[in-house]
Protein backbone atom coordinates (compact mmCIF):
# COMPACT_ATOMS: atom_id res chain seq x y z
CA MET A 1 0.00 0.00 0.00
CA ARG A 2 1.27 3.46 -0.85
CA ARG A 3 0.65 6.63 1.09
CA LEU A 4 -1.28 9.29 -0.76
CA GLY A 5 0.30 12.30 0.93
CA LEU A 6 -1.09 15.66 -0.20
CA LEU A 7 -3.67 13.87 -2.31
CA GLY A 8 -5.10 12.14 0.74
CA ALA A 9 -5.32 15.43 2.59
CA ALA A 10 -7.12 16.99 -0.38
CA LEU A 11 -9.63 14.16 -0.55
CA VAL A 12 -10.24 14.27 3.19
CA ALA A 13 -10.87 18.00 3.06
CA GLY A 14 -13.24 17.50 0.15
CA CYS A 15 -15.15 14.60 1.71
CA LEU A 16 -15.59 15.77 5.28
CA ALA A 17 -16.56 18.98 7.00
CA ASP A 18 -13.81 18.46 9.58
CA GLY A 19 -11.31 17.27 6.98
CA ALA A 20 -8.48 19.46 8.30
CA ALA A 21 -8.68 17.76 11.68
CA TRP A 22 -8.65 14.29 10.10
CA ALA A 23 -5.73 15.13 7.85
CA ALA A 24 -3.74 16.46 10.79
CA GLN A 25 -4.05 13.13 12.61
CA GLY A 26 -2.11 11.05 10.10
CA GLU A 27 -1.28 10.50 6.46
CA PRO A 28 -4.17 8.78 4.60
CA TYR A 29 -3.73 5.88 2.20
CA GLY A 30 -5.96 3.83 -0.07
CA LEU A 31 -7.10 0.21 0.20
CA ARG A 32 -9.01 -1.73 -2.47
CA GLY A 33 -10.77 -5.07 -2.54
CA THR A 34 -13.94 -7.02 -1.82
CA LEU A 35 -15.81 -6.86 1.47
CA VAL A 36 -15.57 -10.25 3.16
CA THR A 37 -17.27 -9.56 6.48
CA VAL A 38 -19.02 -6.64 8.15
CA GLU A 39 -19.25 -7.00 11.91
CA ASP A 40 -20.70 -3.90 13.53
CA LYS A 41 -18.11 -1.24 12.59
CA LEU A 42 -15.29 -3.64 11.68
CA LEU A 43 -14.74 -4.39 7.99
CA THR A 44 -12.65 -7.23 6.59
CA VAL A 45 -11.58 -6.73 2.99
CA MET A 46 -9.73 -9.06 0.61
CA ASN A 47 -7.63 -7.52 -2.15
CA ASP A 48 -6.94 -9.00 -5.59
CA ASP A 49 -3.85 -10.78 -4.22
CA GLU A 50 -6.15 -12.59 -1.74
CA GLU A 51 -4.62 -10.69 1.19
CA THR A 52 -7.06 -9.60 3.88
CA PHE A 53 -7.02 -6.43 5.94
CA GLU A 54 -9.33 -4.73 8.41
CA ALA A 55 -10.64 -1.19 8.77
CA VAL A 56 -13.00 0.45 11.24
CA LEU A 57 -15.94 2.65 10.34
CA THR A 58 -16.48 5.74 12.47
CA GLU A 59 -19.32 8.24 12.85
CA ASP A 60 -17.42 10.50 10.46
CA THR A 61 -16.73 7.96 7.69
CA ALA A 62 -18.02 9.36 4.38
CA VAL A 63 -19.91 6.76 2.32
CA PHE A 64 -20.09 6.91 -1.48
CA ALA A 65 -22.13 4.85 -3.94
CA VAL A 66 -20.42 3.87 -7.20
CA THR A 67 -22.75 2.93 -10.07
CA PRO A 68 -22.09 2.06 -13.72
CA ALA A 69 -21.86 4.84 -16.30
CA LYS A 70 -21.00 4.95 -19.99
CA TRP A 71 -18.28 6.58 -22.06
CA SER A 72 -20.98 8.72 -23.69
CA ASP A 73 -22.12 9.99 -20.26
CA ILE A 74 -18.99 12.18 -19.99
CA GLN A 75 -20.11 15.70 -20.89
CA PRO A 76 -18.63 19.25 -20.82
CA GLY A 77 -19.16 21.03 -17.52
CA GLN A 78 -19.03 17.89 -15.38
CA PHE A 79 -16.61 17.52 -12.50
CA VAL A 80 -14.73 14.25 -12.99
CA GLY A 81 -11.83 12.25 -11.61
CA ILE A 82 -9.50 10.54 -14.08
CA THR A 83 -6.58 8.27 -13.33
CA SER A 84 -4.11 8.44 -16.21
CA VAL A 85 -0.64 7.39 -17.35
CA GLU A 86 1.88 8.85 -19.76
CA SER A 87 1.83 7.01 -23.08
CA GLY A 88 4.06 8.43 -25.78
CA ASP A 89 3.42 12.14 -25.89
CA GLN A 90 -0.02 12.09 -24.27
CA ARG A 91 -1.84 11.22 -21.07
CA VAL A 92 -4.22 8.26 -21.40
CA ALA A 93 -7.03 7.49 -18.98
CA LEU A 94 -7.18 4.25 -17.01
CA GLU A 95 -10.59 5.07 -15.52
CA VAL A 96 -13.11 7.91 -15.20
CA HIS A 97 -15.43 8.62 -12.30
CA ILE A 98 -18.11 11.28 -12.74
CA PHE A 99 -18.82 13.16 -9.51
CA ALA A 100 -22.35 14.07 -8.47
CA ASP A 101 -22.88 17.83 -8.64
CA ASP A 102 -22.76 18.27 -4.86
CA LEU A 103 -19.24 16.73 -4.86
CA ARG A 104 -17.85 19.30 -7.29
CA GLY A 105 -14.38 20.37 -6.11
CA THR A 106 -13.59 17.18 -4.17
CA GLY A 107 -9.81 16.62 -4.18
CA GLU A 108 -9.45 19.15 -7.00
CA GLY A 109 -6.09 19.14 -8.77
CA HIS A 110 -3.54 16.95 -10.57
CA TYR A 111 -1.32 14.76 -8.40
CA PRO A 112 0.33 11.31 -8.04
CA TRP A 113 -2.03 8.40 -7.48
CA ASP A 114 -1.55 4.71 -6.66
CA LEU A 115 -3.91 2.74 -8.91
CA THR A 116 -1.03 0.85 -10.56
CA LYS A 117 2.57 0.07 -9.68
CA ASP A 118 3.74 2.20 -12.61
CA PRO A 119 3.59 6.01 -12.23
CA ASN A 120 0.05 7.32 -12.59
CA MET A 121 -1.78 10.54 -11.81
CA MET A 122 -5.20 11.54 -10.58
CA THR A 123 -6.86 14.60 -12.10
CA ASN A 124 -10.01 15.87 -10.39
CA ALA A 125 -11.24 18.68 -12.58
CA THR A 126 -13.99 20.21 -14.71
CA VAL A 127 -14.45 19.00 -18.29
CA ALA A 128 -13.89 22.18 -20.32
CA GLU A 129 -13.96 20.63 -23.79
CA ILE A 130 -14.39 17.25 -25.48
CA GLU A 131 -12.92 16.41 -28.88
CA GLU A 132 -13.85 13.21 -30.70
CA VAL A 133 -10.46 12.18 -32.09
CA SER A 134 -11.66 8.82 -33.43
CA PRO A 135 -14.71 6.55 -33.12
CA ALA A 136 -12.99 4.91 -30.13
CA GLU A 137 -11.23 7.85 -28.45
CA ARG A 138 -12.09 11.21 -26.98
CA GLN A 139 -9.72 13.92 -25.81
CA LEU A 140 -10.83 15.79 -22.72
CA ARG A 141 -9.47 19.20 -21.82
CA LEU A 142 -9.72 19.51 -18.05
CA THR A 143 -9.32 22.63 -15.91
CA TYR A 144 -8.76 22.80 -12.18
CA LYS A 145 -7.69 25.15 -9.41
CA GLU A 146 -4.21 24.86 -7.93
CA GLY A 147 -3.35 26.42 -4.59
CA GLU A 148 -5.47 28.46 -2.20
CA GLY A 149 -6.49 32.08 -1.78
CA GLU A 150 -4.35 34.69 -3.50
CA ASN A 151 -1.91 31.99 -4.62
CA ALA A 152 -4.58 30.03 -6.49
CA ALA A 153 -3.91 29.43 -10.18
CA GLN A 154 -5.65 27.52 -12.94
CA GLY A 155 -4.20 24.26 -14.17
CA GLU A 156 -5.05 22.31 -17.30
CA GLN A 157 -4.58 18.77 -18.57
CA VAL A 158 -5.53 17.09 -21.83
CA ILE A 159 -6.32 13.39 -21.37
CA THR A 160 -7.25 10.83 -24.01
CA VAL A 161 -10.11 8.56 -22.94
CA PRO A 162 -10.44 5.28 -24.91
CA ASP A 163 -13.93 3.83 -25.15
CA PHE A 164 -12.98 0.68 -23.22
CA VAL A 165 -12.01 2.33 -19.92
CA ASP A 166 -14.23 1.91 -16.85
CA VAL A 167 -16.59 4.84 -16.32
CA VAL A 168 -18.64 5.13 -13.12
CA PHE A 169 -20.82 7.66 -11.32
CA LEU A 170 -19.84 8.63 -7.76
CA ALA A 171 -22.40 10.02 -5.30
CA LYS A 172 -22.47 10.49 -1.55
CA SER A 173 -24.82 8.19 0.37
CA ASP A 174 -26.27 8.12 3.88
CA ASP A 175 -27.39 4.49 3.57
CA PRO A 176 -25.28 2.22 5.82
CA GLY A 177 -27.02 -0.73 4.17
CA LEU A 178 -24.71 -0.30 1.18
CA ILE A 179 -21.83 -1.74 3.18
CA VAL A 180 -22.40 -5.49 2.93
CA PRO A 181 -20.21 -8.51 2.08
CA ASP A 182 -19.26 -9.37 -1.51
CA ARG A 183 -19.27 -5.77 -2.72
CA ARG A 184 -16.16 -4.18 -4.17
CA VAL A 185 -14.86 -1.18 -2.26
CA PHE A 186 -12.22 1.54 -2.24
CA LEU A 187 -11.29 2.85 1.20
CA LEU A 188 -9.35 5.93 2.23
CA VAL A 189 -7.99 5.10 5.70
CA ARG A 190 -5.71 6.49 8.37
CA ASP A 191 -3.72 4.53 10.95
CA SER A 192 -5.29 4.90 14.37
CA GLY A 193 -2.22 4.02 16.45
CA GLN A 194 -4.11 1.13 18.03
CA GLY A 195 -5.81 -1.66 16.11
CA PRO A 196 -7.06 -1.47 12.53
CA PRO A 197 -6.94 1.81 10.59
CA ALA A 198 -9.96 4.12 10.67
CA ALA A 199 -11.92 4.61 7.44
CA ILE A 200 -12.12 8.24 6.39
CA ALA A 201 -14.18 7.36 3.32
CA ILE A 202 -15.53 4.24 1.63
CA ALA A 203 -16.73 3.96 -1.96
CA VAL A 204 -18.98 0.94 -2.52
CA GLY A 205 -19.64 -0.61 -5.94
CA LEU A 206 -23.31 -1.21 -6.76
CA GLU A 207 -25.09 -2.82 -9.73
CA GLY A 208 -21.93 -4.72 -10.59
CA ALA A 209 -19.69 -1.64 -10.62
CA ILE A 210 -16.15 -1.81 -9.27
CA PRO A 211 -14.77 1.41 -7.80
CA PRO A 212 -11.99 1.92 -10.39
CA MET A 213 -10.10 4.73 -8.66
């Protein structure tokens, strides 16, 4: 597992009202896998290497529902998250998650991510323009804010999105019934100092979706 550093702090701040306090308590990191058991607040998750780990839900854990979406659902003006890699002279998407409108601005920016062992980046940004470069590829021009206050500047990335990449819709949920065994999950966690790490946020795949981020 790799620490997410400034990215984790950005996501915490975007997910939770008291994100600054959470971020100050420890460096967040991501965990991915399938829920094996849910016992009260204790989750057991198995990753794709068949390794198991535990995490604890808290009253402040943000819960997100991940549902299937289509390549054609990506539209100008949306706030999206895209994991991408360098390929030749362009950035190419590995996945796209479309944020619900009330999550606009979550983790905004362009920063290192940990979806694969090879270098990859996460870009959480607004879709400014879409160009159909072929029947199977679109190029997205994304804009985002970098920095805070008077030091804030606008950043931009152009990312090619092939038609075969996973596209999902991400929305916040207040339904604890989403968190049940056999569902795929992505967790943002922080070591608690004692026992399993505490879950800052959990994204749960529904309708067959796998949280791709």
